[in-house]
Amino acid sequence: FHMYKISVDKDLFKDIQFKKTHILEKETSKYWQKELLEP
């Protein structure tokens, strides 16, 4: 699929920008279950 838009806080944004964070974690909320799980 094309892409998702994810909003993060300032510190995490900077860590991603500077390659300090390589894995972005998201809780298994109803929204993400609906978006990501394909039955």
Full PDB file with SEQRES, HELIX, SHEET, SSBOND, CRYST1, ORIGX, SCALE, CONECT and MASTER records, all heavy atoms in Angstrom:
SEQRES   1 A   39  PHE HIS MET TYR LYS ILE SER VAL ASP LYS ASP LEU PHE          
SEQRES   2 A   39  LYS ASP ILE GLN PHE LYS LYS THR HIS ILE LEU GLU LYS          
SEQRES   3 A   39  GLU THR SER LYS TYR TRP GLN LYS GLU LEU LEU GLU PRO          
HELIX    1 AA1 LYS A   10  GLN A   17  1                                   8    
HELIX    2 AA2 LYS A   30  LEU A   36  1                                   7    
CRYST1    1.000    1.000    1.000  90.00  90.00  90.00 P 1           1          
ORIGX1      1.000000  0.000000  0.000000        0.00000                         
ORIGX2      0.000000  1.000000  0.000000        0.00000                         
ORIGX3      0.000000  0.000000  1.000000        0.00000                         
SCALE1      1.000000  0.000000  0.000000        0.00000                         
SCALE2      0.000000  1.000000  0.000000        0.00000                         
SCALE3      0.000000  0.000000  1.000000        0.00000                         
ATOM      1  N   PHE A   1       0.855  -1.176   0.000  1.00  0.00           N  
ATOM      2  CA  PHE A   1       0.000   0.000   0.000  1.00  0.00           C  
ATOM      3  C   PHE A   1       0.892   1.227   0.000  1.00  0.00           C  
ATOM      4  O   PHE A   1       2.059   1.164   0.377  1.00  0.00           O  
ATOM      5  CB  PHE A   1      -0.928  -0.037   1.212  1.00  0.00           C  
ATOM      6  CG  PHE A   1      -1.924  -1.169   1.135  1.00  0.00           C  
ATOM      7  CD1 PHE A   1      -1.551  -2.459   1.473  1.00  0.00           C  
ATOM      8  CD2 PHE A   1      -3.217  -0.945   0.686  1.00  0.00           C  
ATOM      9  CE1 PHE A   1      -2.454  -3.505   1.388  1.00  0.00           C  
ATOM     10  CE2 PHE A   1      -4.120  -1.987   0.608  1.00  0.00           C  
ATOM     11  CZ  PHE A   1      -3.749  -3.270   0.946  1.00  0.00           C  
ATOM     12  N   HIS A   2       0.331   2.355  -0.344  1.00  0.00           N  
ATOM     13  CA  HIS A   2       1.167   3.527  -0.608  1.00  0.00           C  
ATOM     14  C   HIS A   2       1.924   4.010   0.626  1.00  0.00           C  
ATOM     15  O   HIS A   2       3.120   3.834   0.725  1.00  0.00           O  
ATOM     16  CB  HIS A   2       0.313   4.649  -1.201  1.00  0.00           C  
ATOM     17  CG  HIS A   2       1.117   5.827  -1.633  1.00  0.00           C  
ATOM     18  ND1 HIS A   2       2.218   5.712  -2.451  1.00  0.00           N  
ATOM     19  CD2 HIS A   2       0.998   7.147  -1.347  1.00  0.00           C  
ATOM     20  CE1 HIS A   2       2.727   6.916  -2.655  1.00  0.00           C  
ATOM     21  NE2 HIS A   2       2.009   7.799  -1.994  1.00  0.00           N  
ATOM     22  N   MET A   3       1.256   4.617   1.599  1.00  0.00           N  
ATOM     23  CA  MET A   3       1.968   5.111   2.775  1.00  0.00           C  
ATOM     24  C   MET A   3       0.998   5.451   3.887  1.00  0.00           C  
ATOM     25  O   MET A   3      -0.203   5.622   3.657  1.00  0.00           O  
ATOM     26  CB  MET A   3       2.827   6.316   2.441  1.00  0.00           C  
ATOM     27  CG  MET A   3       2.059   7.586   2.084  1.00  0.00           C  
ATOM     28  SD  MET A   3       3.153   8.999   1.832  1.00  0.00           S  
ATOM     29  CE  MET A   3       3.934   8.532   0.290  1.00  0.00           C  
ATOM     30  N   TYR A   4       1.539   5.531   5.099  1.00  0.00           N  
ATOM     31  CA  TYR A   4       0.803   6.015   6.260  1.00  0.00           C  
ATOM     32  C   TYR A   4       1.464   7.282   6.769  1.00  0.00           C  
ATOM     33  O   TYR A   4       2.678   7.457   6.660  1.00  0.00           O  
ATOM     34  CB  TYR A   4       0.809   4.976   7.387  1.00  0.00           C  
ATOM     35  CG  TYR A   4      -0.105   3.795   7.146  1.00  0.00           C  
ATOM     36  CD1 TYR A   4       0.429   2.518   6.997  1.00  0.00           C  
ATOM     37  CD2 TYR A   4      -1.483   3.960   7.085  1.00  0.00           C  
ATOM     38  CE1 TYR A   4      -0.394   1.428   6.781  1.00  0.00           C  
ATOM     39  CE2 TYR A   4      -2.313   2.877   6.868  1.00  0.00           C  
ATOM     40  CZ  TYR A   4      -1.761   1.610   6.713  1.00  0.00           C  
ATOM     41  OH  TYR A   4      -2.585   0.533   6.486  1.00  0.00           O  
ATOM     42  N   LYS A   5       0.655   8.147   7.370  1.00  0.00           N  
ATOM     43  CA  LYS A   5       1.182   9.349   8.015  1.00  0.00           C  
ATOM     44  C   LYS A   5       1.087   9.148   9.527  1.00  0.00           C  
ATOM     45  O   LYS A   5       0.007   8.840  10.044  1.00  0.00           O  
ATOM     46  CB  LYS A   5       0.381  10.580   7.588  1.00  0.00           C  
ATOM     47  CG  LYS A   5       0.925  11.883   8.169  1.00  0.00           C  
ATOM     48  CD  LYS A   5       0.122  13.089   7.702  1.00  0.00           C  
ATOM     49  CE  LYS A   5       0.442  13.437   6.265  1.00  0.00           C  
ATOM     50  NZ  LYS A   5      -0.183  14.728   5.850  1.00  0.00           N  
ATOM     51  N   ILE A   6       2.215   9.295  10.208  1.00  0.00           N  
ATOM     52  CA  ILE A   6       2.275   9.062  11.654  1.00  0.00           C  
ATOM     53  C   ILE A   6       2.854  10.291  12.330  1.00  0.00           C  
ATOM     54  O   ILE A   6       3.926  10.776  11.945  1.00  0.00           O  
ATOM     55  CB  ILE A   6       3.145   7.821  11.990  1.00  0.00           C  
ATOM     56  CG1 ILE A   6       2.565   6.574  11.308  1.00  0.00           C  
ATOM     57  CG2 ILE A   6       3.221   7.613  13.494  1.00  0.00           C  
ATOM     58  CD1 ILE A   6       3.429   5.331  11.479  1.00  0.00           C  
ATOM     59  N   SER A   7       2.164  10.788  13.347  1.00  0.00           N  
ATOM     60  CA  SER A   7       2.650  11.937  14.115  1.00  0.00           C  
ATOM     61  C   SER A   7       3.361  11.450  15.371  1.00  0.00           C  
ATOM     62  O   SER A   7       2.862  10.555  16.068  1.00  0.00           O  
ATOM     63  CB  SER A   7       1.474  12.841  14.491  1.00  0.00           C  
ATOM     64  OG  SER A   7       1.938  13.958  15.235  1.00  0.00           O  
ATOM     65  N   VAL A   8       4.540  12.022  15.648  1.00  0.00           N  
ATOM     66  CA  VAL A   8       5.337  11.635  16.821  1.00  0.00           C  
ATOM     67  C   VAL A   8       5.753  12.900  17.574  1.00  0.00           C  
ATOM     68  O   VAL A   8       5.656  14.016  17.054  1.00  0.00           O  
ATOM     69  CB  VAL A   8       6.590  10.823  16.414  1.00  0.00           C  
ATOM     70  CG1 VAL A   8       6.188   9.532  15.704  1.00  0.00           C  
ATOM     71  CG2 VAL A   8       7.515  11.649  15.519  1.00  0.00           C  
ATOM     72  N   ASP A   9       6.246  12.711  18.794  1.00  0.00           N  
ATOM     73  CA  ASP A   9       6.690  13.881  19.558  1.00  0.00           C  
ATOM     74  C   ASP A   9       8.044  14.378  19.043  1.00  0.00           C  
ATOM     75  O   ASP A   9       8.709  13.722  18.226  1.00  0.00           O  
ATOM     76  CB  ASP A   9       6.740  13.586  21.064  1.00  0.00           C  
ATOM     77  CG  ASP A   9       7.746  12.513  21.437  1.00  0.00           C  
ATOM     78  OD1 ASP A   9       8.864  12.504  20.885  1.00  0.00           O  
ATOM     79  OD2 ASP A   9       7.435  11.662  22.291  1.00  0.00           O  
ATOM     80  N   LYS A  10       8.452  15.529  19.539  1.00  0.00           N  
ATOM     81  CA  LYS A  10       9.651  16.213  19.026  1.00  0.00           C  
ATOM     82  C   LYS A  10      10.914  15.380  19.203  1.00  0.00           C  
ATOM     83  O   LYS A  10      11.749  15.273  18.293  1.00  0.00           O  
ATOM     84  CB  LYS A  10       9.800  17.560  19.728  1.00  0.00           C  
ATOM     85  CG  LYS A  10      10.953  18.408  19.227  1.00  0.00           C  
ATOM     86  CD  LYS A  10      10.993  19.745  19.945  1.00  0.00           C  
ATOM     87  CE  LYS A  10      12.161  20.594  19.452  1.00  0.00           C  
ATOM     88  NZ  LYS A  10      12.208  21.898  20.162  1.00  0.00           N  
ATOM     89  N   ASP A  11      11.064  14.775  20.387  1.00  0.00           N  
ATOM     90  CA  ASP A  11      12.283  13.998  20.658  1.00  0.00           C  
ATOM     91  C   ASP A  11      12.373  12.770  19.757  1.00  0.00           C  
ATOM     92  O   ASP A  11      13.448  12.462  19.226  1.00  0.00           O  
ATOM     93  CB  ASP A  11      12.320  13.568  22.129  1.00  0.00           C  
ATOM     94  CG  ASP A  11      12.550  14.746  23.069  1.00  0.00           C  
ATOM     95  OD1 ASP A  11      13.096  15.769  22.603  1.00  0.00           O  
ATOM     96  OD2 ASP A  11      12.187  14.643  24.253  1.00  0.00           O  
ATOM     97  N   LEU A  12      11.275  12.064  19.592  1.00  0.00           N  
ATOM     98  CA  LEU A  12      11.275  10.886  18.731  1.00  0.00           C  
ATOM     99  C   LEU A  12      11.499  11.282  17.280  1.00  0.00           C  
ATOM    100  O   LEU A  12      12.214  10.586  16.538  1.00  0.00           O  
ATOM    101  CB  LEU A  12       9.959  10.120  18.887  1.00  0.00           C  
ATOM    102  CG  LEU A  12       9.828   8.826  18.069  1.00  0.00           C  
ATOM    103  CD1 LEU A  12      10.992   7.884  18.328  1.00  0.00           C  
ATOM    104  CD2 LEU A  12       8.501   8.135  18.374  1.00  0.00           C  
ATOM    105  N   PHE A  13      10.921  12.404  16.866  1.00  0.00           N  
ATOM    106  CA  PHE A  13      11.130  12.894  15.497  1.00  0.00           C  
ATOM    107  C   PHE A  13      12.617  13.120  15.234  1.00  0.00           C  
ATOM    108  O   PHE A  13      13.155  12.714  14.209  1.00  0.00           O  
ATOM    109  CB  PHE A  13      10.356  14.201  15.295  1.00  0.00           C  
ATOM    110  CG  PHE A  13      10.390  14.718  13.883  1.00  0.00           C  
ATOM    111  CD1 PHE A  13       9.435  14.332  12.960  1.00  0.00           C  
ATOM    112  CD2 PHE A  13      11.391  15.598  13.477  1.00  0.00           C  
ATOM    113  CE1 PHE A  13       9.462  14.805  11.645  1.00  0.00           C  
ATOM    114  CE2 PHE A  13      11.437  16.083  12.173  1.00  0.00           C  
ATOM    115  CZ  PHE A  13      10.465  15.679  11.258  1.00  0.00           C  
ATOM    116  N   LYS A  14      13.293  13.744  16.210  1.00  0.00           N  
ATOM    117  CA  LYS A  14      14.722  14.021  16.053  1.00  0.00           C  
ATOM    118  C   LYS A  14      15.531  12.723  16.036  1.00  0.00           C  
ATOM    119  O   LYS A  14      16.498  12.589  15.278  1.00  0.00           O  
ATOM    120  CB  LYS A  14      15.194  14.931  17.189  1.00  0.00           C  
ATOM    121  CG  LYS A  14      16.639  15.409  17.022  1.00  0.00           C  
ATOM    122  CD  LYS A  14      17.001  16.477  18.029  1.00  0.00           C  
ATOM    123  CE  LYS A  14      16.397  17.800  17.640  1.00  0.00           C  
ATOM    124  NZ  LYS A  14      16.891  18.919  18.484  1.00  0.00           N  
ATOM    125  N   ASP A  15      15.150  11.761  16.890  1.00  0.00           N  
ATOM    126  CA  ASP A  15      15.853  10.473  16.914  1.00  0.00           C  
ATOM    127  C   ASP A  15      15.721   9.747  15.579  1.00  0.00           C  
ATOM    128  O   ASP A  15      16.669   9.124  15.095  1.00  0.00           O  
ATOM    129  CB  ASP A  15      15.318   9.589  18.043  1.00  0.00           C  
ATOM    130  CG  ASP A  15      15.804  10.029  19.417  1.00  0.00           C  
ATOM    131  OD1 ASP A  15      16.750  10.842  19.471  1.00  0.00           O  
ATOM    132  OD2 ASP A  15      15.246   9.562  20.426  1.00  0.00           O  
ATOM    133  N   ILE A  16      14.544   9.813  14.967  1.00  0.00           N  
ATOM    134  CA  ILE A  16      14.353   9.199  13.646  1.00  0.00           C  
ATOM    135  C   ILE A  16      15.181   9.946  12.602  1.00  0.00           C  
ATOM    136  O   ILE A  16      15.831   9.343  11.743  1.00  0.00           O  
ATOM    137  CB  ILE A  16      12.857   9.202  13.268  1.00  0.00           C  
ATOM    138  CG1 ILE A  16      12.070   8.279  14.201  1.00  0.00           C  
ATOM    139  CG2 ILE A  16      12.669   8.777  11.811  1.00  0.00           C  
ATOM    140  CD1 ILE A  16      10.562   8.377  14.055  1.00  0.00           C  
ATOM    141  N   GLN A  17      15.177  11.264  12.708  1.00  0.00           N  
ATOM    142  CA  GLN A  17      15.900  12.111  11.752  1.00  0.00           C  
ATOM    143  C   GLN A  17      17.402  11.821  11.788  1.00  0.00           C  
ATOM    144  O   GLN A  17      18.062  11.788  10.751  1.00  0.00           O  
ATOM    145  CB  GLN A  17      15.619  13.575  12.109  1.00  0.00           C  
ATOM    146  CG  GLN A  17      16.101  14.577  11.078  1.00  0.00           C  
ATOM    147  CD  GLN A  17      15.728  15.993  11.508  1.00  0.00           C  
ATOM    148  OE1 GLN A  17      15.588  16.276  12.693  1.00  0.00           O  
ATOM    149  NE2 GLN A  17      15.556  16.876  10.548  1.00  0.00           N  
ATOM    150  N   PHE A  18      17.926  11.596  13.002  1.00  0.00           N  
ATOM    151  CA  PHE A  18      19.364  11.350  13.155  1.00  0.00           C  
ATOM    152  C   PHE A  18      19.721   9.875  13.189  1.00  0.00           C  
ATOM    153  O   PHE A  18      20.817   9.502  13.595  1.00  0.00           O  
ATOM    154  CB  PHE A  18      19.884  12.046  14.408  1.00  0.00           C  
ATOM    155  CG  PHE A  18      20.036  13.531  14.261  1.00  0.00           C  
ATOM    156  CD1 PHE A  18      19.162  14.401  14.891  1.00  0.00           C  
ATOM    157  CD2 PHE A  18      21.039  14.064  13.476  1.00  0.00           C  
ATOM    158  CE1 PHE A  18      19.300  15.779  14.754  1.00  0.00           C  
ATOM    159  CE2 PHE A  18      21.183  15.422  13.327  1.00  0.00           C  
ATOM    160  CZ  PHE A  18      20.311  16.287  13.972  1.00  0.00           C  
ATOM    161  N   LYS A  19      18.781   9.015  12.805  1.00  0.00           N  
ATOM    162  CA  LYS A  19      19.021   7.580  12.688  1.00  0.00           C  
ATOM    163  C   LYS A  19      19.355   6.925  14.026  1.00  0.00           C  
ATOM    164  O   LYS A  19      20.072   5.918  14.080  1.00  0.00           O  
ATOM    165  CB  LYS A  19      20.164   7.300  11.687  1.00  0.00           C  
ATOM    166  CG  LYS A  19      19.889   7.743  10.269  1.00  0.00           C  
ATOM    167  CD  LYS A  19      18.841   6.862   9.645  1.00  0.00           C  
ATOM    168  CE  LYS A  19      18.672   7.141   8.164  1.00  0.00           C  
ATOM    169  NZ  LYS A  19      17.665   6.269   7.560  1.00  0.00           N  
ATOM    170  N   LYS A  20      18.861   7.510  15.117  1.00  0.00           N  
ATOM    171  CA  LYS A  20      19.050   6.885  16.430  1.00  0.00           C  
ATOM    172  C   LYS A  20      17.937   5.872  16.716  1.00  0.00           C  
ATOM    173  O   LYS A  20      18.099   4.979  17.534  1.00  0.00           O  
ATOM    174  CB  LYS A  20      19.055   7.951  17.533  1.00  0.00           C  
ATOM    175  CG  LYS A  20      20.266   8.873  17.496  1.00  0.00           C  
ATOM    176  CD  LYS A  20      20.206   9.869  18.635  1.00  0.00           C  
ATOM    177  CE  LYS A  20      21.400  10.801  18.613  1.00  0.00           C  
ATOM    178  NZ  LYS A  20      21.329  11.806  19.702  1.00  0.00           N  
ATOM    179  N   THR A  21      16.823   6.044  16.056  1.00  0.00           N  
ATOM    180  CA  THR A  21      15.697   5.117  16.186  1.00  0.00           C  
ATOM    181  C   THR A  21      15.447   4.461  14.834  1.00  0.00           C  
ATOM    182  O   THR A  21      15.267   5.154  13.837  1.00  0.00           O  
ATOM    183  CB  THR A  21      14.424   5.850  16.654  1.00  0.00           C  
ATOM    184  OG1 THR A  21      14.645   6.352  17.973  1.00  0.00           O  
ATOM    185  CG2 THR A  21      13.225   4.915  16.670  1.00  0.00           C  
ATOM    186  N   HIS A  22      15.446   3.134  14.830  1.00  0.00           N  
ATOM    187  CA  HIS A  22      15.269   2.395  13.578  1.00  0.00           C  
ATOM    188  C   HIS A  22      13.935   1.645  13.540  1.00  0.00           C  
ATOM    189  O   HIS A  22      13.555   1.131  12.492  1.00  0.00           O  
ATOM    190  CB  HIS A  22      16.414   1.409  13.380  1.00  0.00           C  
ATOM    191  CG  HIS A  22      17.767   2.060  13.328  1.00  0.00           C  
ATOM    192  ND1 HIS A  22      18.217   2.737  12.219  1.00  0.00           N  
ATOM    193  CD2 HIS A  22      18.735   2.193  14.261  1.00  0.00           C  
ATOM    194  CE1 HIS A  22      19.424   3.229  12.445  1.00  0.00           C  
ATOM    195  NE2 HIS A  22      19.759   2.909  13.690  1.00  0.00           N  
ATOM    196  N   ILE A  23      13.274   1.555  14.697  1.00  0.00           N  
ATOM    197  CA  ILE A  23      11.976   0.882  14.759  1.00  0.00           C  
ATOM    198  C   ILE A  23      10.982   1.816  15.443  1.00  0.00           C  
ATOM    199  O   ILE A  23      11.223   2.271  16.566  1.00  0.00           O  
ATOM    200  CB  ILE A  23      12.057  -0.447  15.545  1.00  0.00           C  
ATOM    201  CG1 ILE A  23      13.044  -1.409  14.875  1.00  0.00           C  
ATOM    202  CG2 ILE A  23      10.678  -1.100  15.623  1.00  0.00           C  
ATOM    203  CD1 ILE A  23      13.291  -2.681  15.662  1.00  0.00           C  
ATOM    204  N   LEU A  24       9.895   2.100  14.768  1.00  0.00           N  
ATOM    205  CA  LEU A  24       8.839   2.938  15.325  1.00  0.00           C  
ATOM    206  C   LEU A  24       7.747   2.015  15.864  1.00  0.00           C  
ATOM    207  O   LEU A  24       7.234   1.155  15.144  1.00  0.00           O  
ATOM    208  CB  LEU A  24       8.277   3.863  14.246  1.00  0.00           C  
ATOM    209  CG  LEU A  24       7.146   4.809  14.647  1.00  0.00           C  
ATOM    210  CD1 LEU A  24       7.587   5.747  15.759  1.00  0.00           C  
ATOM    211  CD2 LEU A  24       6.678   5.607  13.439  1.00  0.00           C  
ATOM    212  N   GLU A  25       7.420   2.176  17.144  1.00  0.00           N  
ATOM    213  CA  GLU A  25       6.446   1.295  17.781  1.00  0.00           C  
ATOM    214  C   GLU A  25       5.099   1.988  17.939  1.00  0.00           C  
ATOM    215  O   GLU A  25       5.035   3.148  18.323  1.00  0.00           O  
ATOM    216  CB  GLU A  25       6.965   0.865  19.164  1.00  0.00           C  
ATOM    217  CG  GLU A  25       8.275   0.087  19.102  1.00  0.00           C  
ATOM    218  CD  GLU A  25       8.791  -0.288  20.484  1.00  0.00           C  
ATOM    219  OE1 GLU A  25       8.282   0.296  21.484  1.00  0.00           O  
ATOM    220  OE2 GLU A  25       9.674  -1.157  20.585  1.00  0.00           O  
ATOM    221  N   LYS A  26       4.027   1.255  17.630  1.00  0.00           N  
ATOM    222  CA  LYS A  26       2.665   1.767  17.812  1.00  0.00           C  
ATOM    223  C   LYS A  26       1.825   0.715  18.543  1.00  0.00           C  
ATOM    224  O   LYS A  26       1.902  -0.478  18.249  1.00  0.00           O  
ATOM    225  CB  LYS A  26       2.002   2.083  16.466  1.00  0.00           C  
ATOM    226  CG  LYS A  26       2.726   3.116  15.626  1.00  0.00           C  
ATOM    227  CD  LYS A  26       2.846   4.468  16.313  1.00  0.00           C  
ATOM    228  CE  LYS A  26       1.542   5.179  16.434  1.00  0.00           C  
ATOM    229  NZ  LYS A  26       1.699   6.543  17.032  1.00  0.00           N  
ATOM    230  N   GLU A  27       1.053   1.174  19.513  1.00  0.00           N  
ATOM    231  CA  GLU A  27       0.194   0.255  20.258  1.00  0.00           C  
ATOM    232  C   GLU A  27      -0.855  -0.366  19.333  1.00  0.00           C  
ATOM    233  O   GLU A  27      -1.255   0.226  18.330  1.00  0.00           O  
ATOM    234  CB  GLU A  27      -0.503   0.998  21.397  1.00  0.00           C  
ATOM    235  CG  GLU A  27       0.453   1.460  22.493  1.00  0.00           C  
ATOM    236  CD  GLU A  27      -0.279   2.165  23.611  1.00  0.00           C  
ATOM    237  OE1 GLU A  27      -1.529   2.285  23.534  1.00  0.00           O  
ATOM    238  OE2 GLU A  27       0.396   2.599  24.560  1.00  0.00           O  
ATOM    239  N   THR A  28      -1.295  -1.558  19.711  1.00  0.00           N  
ATOM    240  CA  THR A  28      -2.293  -2.256  18.885  1.00  0.00           C  
ATOM    241  C   THR A  28      -3.692  -1.731  19.195  1.00  0.00           C  
ATOM    242  O   THR A  28      -4.553  -2.443  19.707  1.00  0.00           O  
ATOM    243  CB  THR A  28      -2.226  -3.774  19.137  1.00  0.00           C  
ATOM    244  OG1 THR A  28      -2.346  -3.997  20.562  1.00  0.00           O  
ATOM    245  CG2 THR A  28      -0.931  -4.360  18.632  1.00  0.00           C  
ATOM    246  N   SER A  29      -3.904  -0.462  18.893  1.00  0.00           N  
ATOM    247  CA  SER A  29      -5.219   0.163  19.094  1.00  0.00           C  
ATOM    248  C   SER A  29      -6.186  -0.339  18.013  1.00  0.00           C  
ATOM    249  O   SER A  29      -5.791  -0.969  17.023  1.00  0.00           O  
ATOM    250  CB  SER A  29      -5.085   1.681  19.011  1.00  0.00           C  
ATOM    251  OG  SER A  29      -4.636   2.059  17.719  1.00  0.00           O  
ATOM    252  N   LYS A  30      -7.453  -0.039  18.224  1.00  0.00           N  
ATOM    253  CA  LYS A  30      -8.445  -0.443  17.225  1.00  0.00           C  
ATOM    254  C   LYS A  30      -8.146   0.174  15.868  1.00  0.00           C  
ATOM    255  O   LYS A  30      -8.341  -0.449  14.823  1.00  0.00           O  
ATOM    256  CB  LYS A  30      -9.846  -0.029  17.686  1.00  0.00           C  
ATOM    257  CG  LYS A  30     -10.374  -0.873  18.837  1.00  0.00           C  
ATOM    258  CD  LYS A  30     -11.800  -0.463  19.196  1.00  0.00           C  
ATOM    259  CE  LYS A  30     -12.331  -1.326  20.334  1.00  0.00           C  
ATOM    260  NZ  LYS A  30     -13.715  -0.938  20.711  1.00  0.00           N  
ATOM    261  N   TYR A  31      -7.635   1.419  15.907  1.00  0.00           N  
ATOM    262  CA  TYR A  31      -7.313   2.084  14.640  1.00  0.00           C  
ATOM    263  C   TYR A  31      -6.249   1.309  13.868  1.00  0.00           C  
ATOM    264  O   TYR A  31      -6.419   1.031  12.672  1.00  0.00           O  
ATOM    265  CB  TYR A  31      -6.815   3.505  14.910  1.00  0.00           C  
ATOM    266  CG  TYR A  31      -6.261   4.179  13.669  1.00  0.00           C  
ATOM    267  CD1 TYR A  31      -7.108   4.742  12.721  1.00  0.00           C  
ATOM    268  CD2 TYR A  31      -4.875   4.213  13.433  1.00  0.00           C  
ATOM    269  CE1 TYR A  31      -6.604   5.331  11.569  1.00  0.00           C  
ATOM    270  CE2 TYR A  31      -4.369   4.807  12.290  1.00  0.00           C  
ATOM    271  CZ  TYR A  31      -5.227   5.365  11.357  1.00  0.00           C  
ATOM    272  OH  TYR A  31      -4.725   5.937  10.225  1.00  0.00           O  
ATOM    273  N   TRP A  32      -5.139   0.955  14.560  1.00  0.00           N  
ATOM    274  CA  TRP A  32      -4.051   0.281  13.856  1.00  0.00           C  
ATOM    275  C   TRP A  32      -4.405  -1.161  13.508  1.00  0.00           C  
ATOM    276  O   TRP A  32      -3.944  -1.682  12.489  1.00  0.00           O  
ATOM    277  CB  TRP A  32      -2.766   0.345  14.678  1.00  0.00           C  
ATOM    278  CG  TRP A  32      -2.125   1.698  14.608  1.00  0.00           C  
ATOM    279  CD1 TRP A  32      -1.980   2.615  15.598  1.00  0.00           C  
ATOM    280  CD2 TRP A  32      -1.567   2.306  13.432  1.00  0.00           C  
ATOM    281  NE1 TRP A  32      -1.377   3.749  15.146  1.00  0.00           N  
ATOM    282  CE2 TRP A  32      -1.102   3.587  13.811  1.00  0.00           C  
ATOM    283  CE3 TRP A  32      -1.419   1.901  12.109  1.00  0.00           C  
ATOM    284  CZ2 TRP A  32      -0.506   4.463  12.912  1.00  0.00           C  
ATOM    285  CZ3 TRP A  32      -0.822   2.772  11.198  1.00  0.00           C  
ATOM    286  CH2 TRP A  32      -0.371   4.028  11.600  1.00  0.00           C  
ATOM    287  N   GLN A  33      -5.226  -1.792  14.314  1.00  0.00           N  
ATOM    288  CA  GLN A  33      -5.683  -3.129  13.939  1.00  0.00           C  
ATOM    289  C   GLN A  33      -6.498  -3.074  12.639  1.00  0.00           C  
ATOM    290  O   GLN A  33      -6.332  -3.913  11.759  1.00  0.00           O  
ATOM    291  CB  GLN A  33      -6.531  -3.727  15.068  1.00  0.00           C  
ATOM    292  CG  GLN A  33      -5.724  -4.124  16.303  1.00  0.00           C  
ATOM    293  CD  GLN A  33      -6.584  -4.723  17.378  1.00  0.00           C  
ATOM    294  OE1 GLN A  33      -7.495  -5.510  17.093  1.00  0.00           O  
ATOM    295  NE2 GLN A  33      -6.318  -4.364  18.629  1.00  0.00           N  
ATOM    296  N   LYS A  34      -7.364  -2.055  12.571  1.00  0.00           N  
ATOM    297  CA  LYS A  34      -8.193  -1.897  11.360  1.00  0.00           C  
ATOM    298  C   LYS A  34      -7.332  -1.569  10.152  1.00  0.00           C  
ATOM    299  O   LYS A  34      -7.565  -2.070   9.040  1.00  0.00           O  
ATOM    300  CB  LYS A  34      -9.221  -0.796  11.604  1.00  0.00           C  
ATOM    301  CG  LYS A  34     -10.133  -0.533  10.414  1.00  0.00           C  
ATOM    302  CD  LYS A  34     -11.112   0.596  10.710  1.00  0.00           C  
ATOM    303  CE  LYS A  34     -11.964   0.928   9.495  1.00  0.00           C  
ATOM    304  NZ  LYS A  34     -12.873   2.073   9.745  1.00  0.00           N  
ATOM    305  N   GLU A  35      -6.312  -0.704  10.353  1.00  0.00           N  
ATOM    306  CA  GLU A  35      -5.470  -0.276   9.242  1.00  0.00           C  
ATOM    307  C   GLU A  35      -4.512  -1.361   8.768  1.00  0.00           C  
ATOM    308  O   GLU A  35      -4.247  -1.498   7.575  1.00  0.00           O  
ATOM    309  CB  GLU A  35      -4.663   0.957   9.669  1.00  0.00           C  
ATOM    310  CG  GLU A  35      -5.452   2.234   9.785  1.00  0.00           C  
ATOM    311  CD  GLU A  35      -5.991   2.705   8.438  1.00  0.00           C  
ATOM    312  OE1 GLU A  35      -5.246   2.632   7.442  1.00  0.00           O  
ATOM    313  OE2 GLU A  35      -7.152   3.135   8.375  1.00  0.00           O  
ATOM    314  N   LEU A  36      -3.985  -2.140   9.698  1.00  0.00           N  
ATOM    315  CA  LEU A  36      -2.872  -3.028   9.347  1.00  0.00           C  
ATOM    316  C   LEU A  36      -3.248  -4.502   9.194  1.00  0.00           C  
ATOM    317  O   LEU A  36      -2.554  -5.239   8.483  1.00  0.00           O  
ATOM    318  CB  LEU A  36      -1.768  -2.914  10.401  1.00  0.00           C  
ATOM    319  CG  LEU A  36      -1.069  -1.557  10.501  1.00  0.00           C  
ATOM    320  CD1 LEU A  36      -0.051  -1.567  11.642  1.00  0.00           C  
ATOM    321  CD2 LEU A  36      -0.361  -1.214   9.188  1.00  0.00           C  
ATOM    322  N   LEU A  37      -4.286  -4.935   9.871  1.00  0.00           N  
ATOM    323  CA  LEU A  37      -4.612  -6.363   9.822  1.00  0.00           C  
ATOM    324  C   LEU A  37      -5.536  -6.662   8.641  1.00  0.00           C  
ATOM    325  O   LEU A  37      -6.574  -6.017   8.454  1.00  0.00           O  
ATOM    326  CB  LEU A  37      -5.264  -6.808  11.126  1.00  0.00           C  
ATOM    327  CG  LEU A  37      -4.357  -6.726  12.362  1.00  0.00           C  
ATOM    328  CD1 LEU A  37      -5.109  -7.215  13.588  1.00  0.00           C  
ATOM    329  CD2 LEU A  37      -3.076  -7.518  12.158  1.00  0.00           C  
ATOM    330  N   GLU A  38      -5.133  -7.636   7.877  1.00  0.00           N  
ATOM    331  CA  GLU A  38      -5.898  -8.023   6.684  1.00  0.00           C  
ATOM    332  C   GLU A  38      -6.399  -9.449   6.878  1.00  0.00           C  
ATOM    333  O   GLU A  38      -5.599 -10.394   6.944  1.00  0.00           O  
ATOM    334  CB  GLU A  38      -5.008  -7.933   5.449  1.00  0.00           C  
ATOM    335  CG  GLU A  38      -5.748  -8.151   4.160  1.00  0.00           C  
ATOM    336  CD  GLU A  38      -4.840  -7.924   2.955  1.00  0.00           C  
ATOM    337  OE1 GLU A  38      -3.628  -8.146   3.069  1.00  0.00           O  
ATOM    338  OE2 GLU A  38      -5.369  -7.513   1.921  1.00  0.00           O  
ATOM    339  N   PRO A  39      -7.729  -9.645   7.026  1.00  0.00           N  
ATOM    340  CA  PRO A  39      -8.258 -10.999   7.269  1.00  0.00           C  
ATOM    341  C   PRO A  39      -8.235 -11.858   6.007  1.00  0.00           C  
ATOM    342  O   PRO A  39      -8.459 -11.379   4.902  1.00  0.00           O  
ATOM    343  CB  PRO A  39      -9.690 -10.733   7.726  1.00  0.00           C  
ATOM    344  CG  PRO A  39     -10.055  -9.423   7.089  1.00  0.00           C  
ATOM    345  CD  PRO A  39      -8.774  -8.624   7.013  1.00  0.00           C  
TER     346      PRO A  39                                                      
MASTER        0    0    0    2    0    0    0    6  345    1    0    3          
END                                                                             
